[in-house]
C-alpha cells in the first residue's frame, strides 16, 4: 500500500507543479494541500506551496511552509534562500540576511543568494558590504546583469559616480537596451554637469521608449542647466503628458514658471 501511496503523491505533485507553471495557483494549492494531508512530511509539496504563497503575496504563510521544510531538512540552501526572499518582501532584512547566510554556508557558489544578500544589505544602508556581495555575484556569474546594475546604483548611493559609470557601461555591454541604465547614466552626467553626455543618455532612453516620464524630466533638468528654458518646459510637459501624477516634473515646472532659474 505504501508503494501505491507514494505513486499517488508523485502523480499529484506533478499535477500541482504543472498547474504552478501554467499560473493556476489556486488549483495547485488545493492539490498540494491534499498531498500534505496525506503526508505532512512531504517536503517537496511544502516547499512548492511556500513558493506559490509567496507569488500570491502571502509572505507570512509562505514562511510557515519553508519553516516546516527546514524542520525536516535544514541542509537545503534553496529553501533558506526562498525564506530569505519572503522575509525581504516583508522588509525584515536582518532576518533575511540570516537566511541568505545559511544558504551560502551550505552553498558558497549560490550566486542568487549573494545577489539578494547584497540587496538586503543595501536596504539596511550597508552599502560597502552590499557592493562586496554584488562583486561576489559577478565573480560567480559575469553575465549577472542585475548584480552589475545594483552595484552601480549602490555606488550612486555613495556618490561614487565615476565608478558607477564603469559599472553601468558593463551592464550595457550585456544589454544595450537597458533603459534604466541609460537613464541613471544621464542622471550622473547631469550631476557632473556633463550636459551633452546627459542629453545623449536621456535621448537613448526615449528612442527605446518615449513613454518614460523620468527621462523626459531628466532631459528637462539638463536644459535648465543649459539655460534653455523653453526646451526644458517642453520636456517637462512631455513628462506630465506621459504621467500626469509625476510629481518631480510638476514641481520643477512650477519653479521654472516662478523664474527660479532666471
Protein backbone atom coordinates (compact mmCIF):
# COMPACT_ATOMS: atom_id res chain seq x y z
CA UNK A 1 0.00 0.00 0.00
CA UNK A 2 2.90 2.36 0.76
CA UNK A 3 4.16 1.96 -2.83
CA UNK A 4 0.76 2.93 -4.24
CA UNK A 5 0.55 5.86 -1.80
CA UNK A 6 3.95 7.13 -2.95
CA UNK A 7 2.90 6.80 -6.57
CA UNK A 8 -0.27 8.82 -5.93
CA UNK A 9 1.70 11.59 -4.16
CA UNK A 10 4.20 11.80 -7.03
CA UNK A 11 1.39 11.93 -9.57
CA UNK A 12 -0.45 14.65 -7.62
CA UNK A 13 2.78 16.62 -7.16
CA UNK A 14 3.44 16.52 -10.92
CA UNK A 15 -0.06 17.86 -11.50
CA UNK A 16 0.43 20.64 -8.92
CA UNK A 17 3.80 21.52 -10.48
CA UNK A 18 2.18 21.76 -13.93
CA UNK A 19 -0.58 23.98 -12.53
CA UNK A 20 2.02 26.26 -10.97
CA UNK A 21 3.89 26.50 -14.30
CA UNK A 22 0.62 27.49 -16.00
CA UNK A 23 -0.20 30.12 -13.35
CA UNK A 24 -3.14 28.15 -11.94
CA UNK A 25 -2.07 28.84 -8.37
CA UNK A 26 -5.30 28.15 -6.52
CA UNK A 27 -5.70 24.75 -8.17
CA UNK A 28 -2.06 23.96 -7.40
CA UNK A 29 -2.57 24.90 -3.74
CA UNK A 30 -5.62 22.65 -3.47
CA UNK A 31 -3.62 19.70 -4.83
CA UNK A 32 -0.66 20.43 -2.56
CA UNK A 33 -2.92 20.62 0.48
CA UNK A 34 -4.28 17.21 -0.47
CA UNK A 35 -0.74 15.81 -0.64
CA UNK A 36 0.24 17.40 2.69
CA UNK A 37 -2.89 15.97 4.33
CA UNK A 38 -1.78 12.52 3.11
CA UNK A 39 1.82 13.12 4.21
CA UNK A 40 2.65 16.18 6.37
CA UNK A 41 6.37 15.45 5.86
CA UNK A 42 6.33 15.61 2.05
CA UNK A 43 8.82 18.48 1.89
CA UNK A 44 8.64 18.99 -1.90
CA UNK A 45 4.92 19.78 -1.56
CA UNK A 46 5.55 22.10 1.40
CA UNK A 47 8.32 23.89 -0.50
CA UNK A 48 6.23 24.38 -3.65
CA UNK A 49 3.31 25.58 -1.54
CA UNK A 50 5.64 28.15 0.05
CA UNK A 51 6.77 29.39 -3.38
CA UNK A 52 3.20 29.75 -4.63
CA UNK A 53 2.06 31.57 -1.49
CA UNK A 54 4.96 33.98 -1.94
CA UNK A 55 3.91 34.65 -5.54
CA UNK A 56 0.43 35.42 -4.23
CA UNK A 57 1.86 37.92 -1.75
CA UNK A 58 1.07 35.71 1.26
CA UNK A 59 4.55 36.03 2.69
CA UNK A 60 3.86 35.03 6.30
CA UNK A 61 2.11 31.85 5.16
CA UNK A 62 4.95 31.05 2.78
CA UNK A 63 7.48 31.40 5.64
CA UNK A 64 5.45 28.91 7.70
CA UNK A 65 5.80 26.40 4.84
CA UNK A 66 9.53 26.98 4.49
CA UNK A 67 9.98 26.57 8.26
CA UNK A 68 8.20 23.21 8.10
CA UNK A 69 10.55 22.10 5.32
CA UNK A 70 13.60 23.23 7.29
CA UNK A 71 12.39 21.32 10.35
CA UNK A 72 12.51 18.21 8.18
CA UNK A 73 15.82 19.05 6.50
CA UNK A 74 17.86 22.13 7.40
CA UNK A 75 20.51 21.47 4.71
CA UNK A 76 18.54 22.81 1.72
CA UNK A 77 20.13 26.08 0.53
CA UNK A 78 17.30 26.85 -1.92
CA UNK A 79 14.73 26.77 0.90
CA UNK A 80 16.81 29.08 3.12
CA UNK A 81 17.12 31.37 0.09
CA UNK A 82 13.37 31.32 -0.58
CA UNK A 83 12.61 32.03 3.08
CA UNK A 84 15.05 34.95 2.91
CA UNK A 85 13.24 36.34 -0.13
CA UNK A 86 9.87 36.17 1.66
CA UNK A 87 11.35 37.96 4.69
CA UNK A 88 12.87 40.58 2.41
CA UNK A 89 9.46 41.16 0.83
CA UNK A 90 8.21 41.88 4.36
CA UNK A 91 11.11 44.32 4.83
CA UNK A 92 12.54 42.11 7.58
CA UNK A 93 16.00 42.46 6.12
CA UNK A 94 18.06 41.45 9.17
CA UNK A 95 16.21 38.13 9.28
CA UNK A 96 16.52 37.78 5.51
CA UNK A 97 20.29 38.21 5.84
CA UNK A 98 20.45 35.34 8.33
CA UNK A 99 18.67 33.11 5.81
CA UNK A 100 20.93 34.12 2.93
CA UNK A 101 23.95 33.44 5.13
CA UNK A 102 22.58 29.97 5.92
CA UNK A 103 22.11 29.32 2.20
CA UNK A 104 25.67 30.47 1.49
CA UNK A 105 27.13 28.38 4.32
CA UNK A 106 25.59 25.38 2.58
CA UNK A 107 26.44 26.52 -0.96
CA UNK A 108 29.11 29.25 -1.21
CA UNK A 109 28.68 29.33 -5.01
CA UNK A 110 24.98 30.25 -4.82
CA UNK A 111 25.11 33.43 -6.94
CA UNK A 112 21.46 34.41 -6.44
CA UNK A 113 21.89 34.23 -2.67
CA UNK A 114 24.93 36.54 -2.88
CA UNK A 115 22.88 38.90 -5.04
CA UNK A 116 19.89 39.06 -2.71
CA UNK A 117 22.16 39.33 0.30
CA UNK A 118 23.57 42.42 -1.40
CA UNK A 119 20.07 43.79 -1.94
CA UNK A 120 19.19 43.25 1.74
CA UNK A 121 22.40 44.98 2.86
CA UNK A 122 21.66 47.93 0.59
CA UNK A 123 18.19 48.27 2.13
CA UNK A 124 19.94 48.40 5.50
CA UNK A 125 22.25 51.18 4.16
CA UNK A 126 25.27 48.88 4.47
CA UNK A 127 26.49 49.98 1.08
CA UNK A 128 30.10 48.75 1.08
CA UNK A 129 29.06 45.30 2.28
CA UNK A 130 26.37 45.25 -0.41
CA UNK A 131 28.96 46.05 -3.08
CA UNK A 132 31.14 43.17 -1.84
CA UNK A 133 28.16 40.83 -2.34
CA UNK A 134 27.42 42.13 -5.84
CA UNK A 135 31.12 41.66 -6.69
CA UNK A 136 30.95 38.07 -5.44
CA UNK A 137 27.83 37.51 -7.56
CA UNK A 138 29.58 38.74 -10.69
CA UNK A 139 32.69 36.71 -9.84
CA UNK A 140 30.47 33.62 -9.91
CA UNK A 141 28.44 34.74 -12.93
CA UNK A 142 29.95 37.52 -15.04
CA UNK A 143 26.72 37.87 -17.03
CA UNK A 144 24.56 38.60 -13.95
CA UNK A 145 23.21 41.89 -15.30
CA UNK A 146 21.15 42.88 -12.26
CA UNK A 147 24.12 42.46 -9.93
CA UNK A 148 26.17 44.89 -12.00
CA UNK A 149 23.23 47.27 -12.20
CA UNK A 150 22.56 47.19 -8.45
CA UNK A 151 26.26 47.63 -7.72
CA UNK A 152 26.15 50.79 -9.84
CA UNK A 153 23.04 52.03 -8.02
CA UNK A 154 24.78 51.41 -4.68
CA UNK A 155 27.84 53.32 -5.88
CA UNK A 156 25.46 56.18 -6.70
CA UNK A 157 24.17 55.99 -3.11
CA UNK A 158 27.80 56.56 -2.07
CA UNK A 159 28.19 59.37 -4.66
CA UNK A 160 30.98 57.38 -6.34
CA UNK A 161 29.77 58.46 -9.75
CA UNK A 162 32.79 57.57 -11.91
CA UNK A 163 32.83 54.02 -10.52
CA UNK A 164 29.08 53.77 -11.05
CA UNK A 165 29.50 54.80 -14.70
CA UNK A 166 32.03 52.00 -15.22
CA UNK A 167 29.50 49.51 -13.85
CA UNK A 168 26.70 50.86 -15.99
CA UNK A 169 28.91 50.53 -19.07
CA UNK A 170 29.44 46.87 -18.20
CA UNK A 171 25.65 46.47 -17.97
CA UNK A 172 25.30 47.99 -21.44
CA UNK A 173 27.85 45.53 -22.82
CA UNK A 174 25.45 42.79 -21.73
CA UNK A 175 22.26 44.62 -22.65
CA UNK A 176 22.49 47.81 -24.76
CA UNK A 177 18.73 48.29 -24.42
CA UNK A 178 18.67 48.54 -20.62
CA UNK A 179 16.77 51.82 -20.41
CA UNK A 180 17.14 52.18 -16.63
CA UNK A 181 20.91 52.10 -17.07
CA UNK A 182 20.83 54.80 -19.75
CA UNK A 183 18.55 56.89 -17.53
CA UNK A 184 20.80 56.58 -14.47
CA UNK A 185 23.86 57.42 -16.53
CA UNK A 186 22.05 60.51 -17.74
CA UNK A 187 21.36 61.48 -14.13
CA UNK A 188 25.04 61.05 -13.22
CA UNK A 189 26.25 63.09 -16.17
CA UNK A 190 23.72 65.78 -15.28
CA UNK A 191 25.00 65.82 -11.69
CA UNK A 192 28.57 66.16 -13.03
CA UNK A 193 27.47 68.98 -15.38
CA UNK A 194 28.40 66.90 -18.41
CA UNK A 195 25.26 68.07 -20.11
CA UNK A 196 25.82 66.81 -23.66
CA UNK A 197 26.52 63.29 -22.40
CA UNK A 198 23.46 63.53 -20.13
CA UNK A 199 21.25 64.51 -23.07
CA UNK A 200 22.67 61.67 -25.18
CA UNK A 201 21.72 59.19 -22.43
CA UNK A 202 18.20 60.52 -21.93
CA UNK A 203 17.67 60.59 -25.70
CA UNK A 204 18.77 56.96 -25.88
CA UNK A 205 16.10 56.02 -23.32
CA UNK A 206 13.44 57.91 -25.24
CA UNK A 207 14.47 56.25 -28.50
CA UNK A 208 13.86 52.91 -26.80
CA UNK A 209 10.60 54.03 -25.18
CA UNK A 210 9.18 57.58 -25.50
CA UNK A 211 6.82 56.95 -22.56
CA UNK A 212 9.45 57.32 -19.83
CA UNK A 213 8.49 60.36 -17.71
CA UNK A 214 11.68 60.19 -15.65
CA UNK A 215 13.83 60.60 -18.76
CA UNK A 216 11.75 63.50 -20.06
CA UNK A 217 12.16 65.05 -16.61
CA UNK A 218 15.92 64.43 -16.63
CA UNK A 219 16.22 65.94 -20.08
CA UNK A 220 14.24 68.97 -18.90
CA UNK A 221 16.54 69.40 -15.90
CA UNK A 222 19.60 69.37 -18.19
CA UNK A 223 18.06 72.04 -20.42
CA UNK A 224 17.54 74.18 -17.32
CA UNK A 225 21.25 73.80 -16.52
CA UNK A 226 21.98 74.90 -20.08
CA UNK A 227 19.65 77.91 -19.72
CA UNK A 228 17.36 76.62 -22.49
CA UNK A 229 14.13 77.09 -20.60
CA UNK A 230 11.71 76.69 -23.49
CA UNK A 231 13.17 73.28 -24.34
CA UNK A 232 13.08 72.42 -20.63
CA UNK A 233 9.39 73.34 -20.43
CA UNK A 234 8.59 71.20 -23.48
CA UNK A 235 10.32 68.20 -21.85
CA UNK A 236 8.55 68.69 -18.52
CA UNK A 237 5.21 68.98 -20.31
CA UNK A 238 6.01 65.75 -22.13
CA UNK A 239 6.79 64.03 -18.82
CA UNK A 240 3.41 65.15 -17.43
CA UNK A 241 1.65 64.13 -20.62
CA UNK A 242 3.02 60.61 -20.14
CA UNK A 243 2.29 60.61 -16.40
CA UNK A 244 0.13 63.48 -15.07
CA UNK A 245 0.96 62.40 -11.49
CA UNK A 246 4.75 62.59 -11.92
CA UNK A 247 5.44 64.95 -9.04
CA UNK A 248 9.12 65.83 -9.74
CA UNK A 249 8.19 67.18 -13.18
CA UNK A 250 5.27 69.16 -11.81
CA UNK A 251 7.44 70.76 -9.09
CA UNK A 252 10.27 71.58 -11.48
CA UNK A 253 7.81 73.10 -13.93
CA UNK A 254 6.39 75.30 -11.14
CA UNK A 255 9.89 76.52 -10.19
CA UNK A 256 10.60 77.27 -13.84
CA UNK A 257 7.36 79.26 -14.15
CA UNK A 258 8.25 81.22 -10.99
CA UNK A 259 11.54 82.30 -12.53
CA UNK A 260 13.74 80.50 -10.03
CA UNK A 261 16.28 79.63 -12.73
CA UNK A 262 16.47 83.06 -14.39
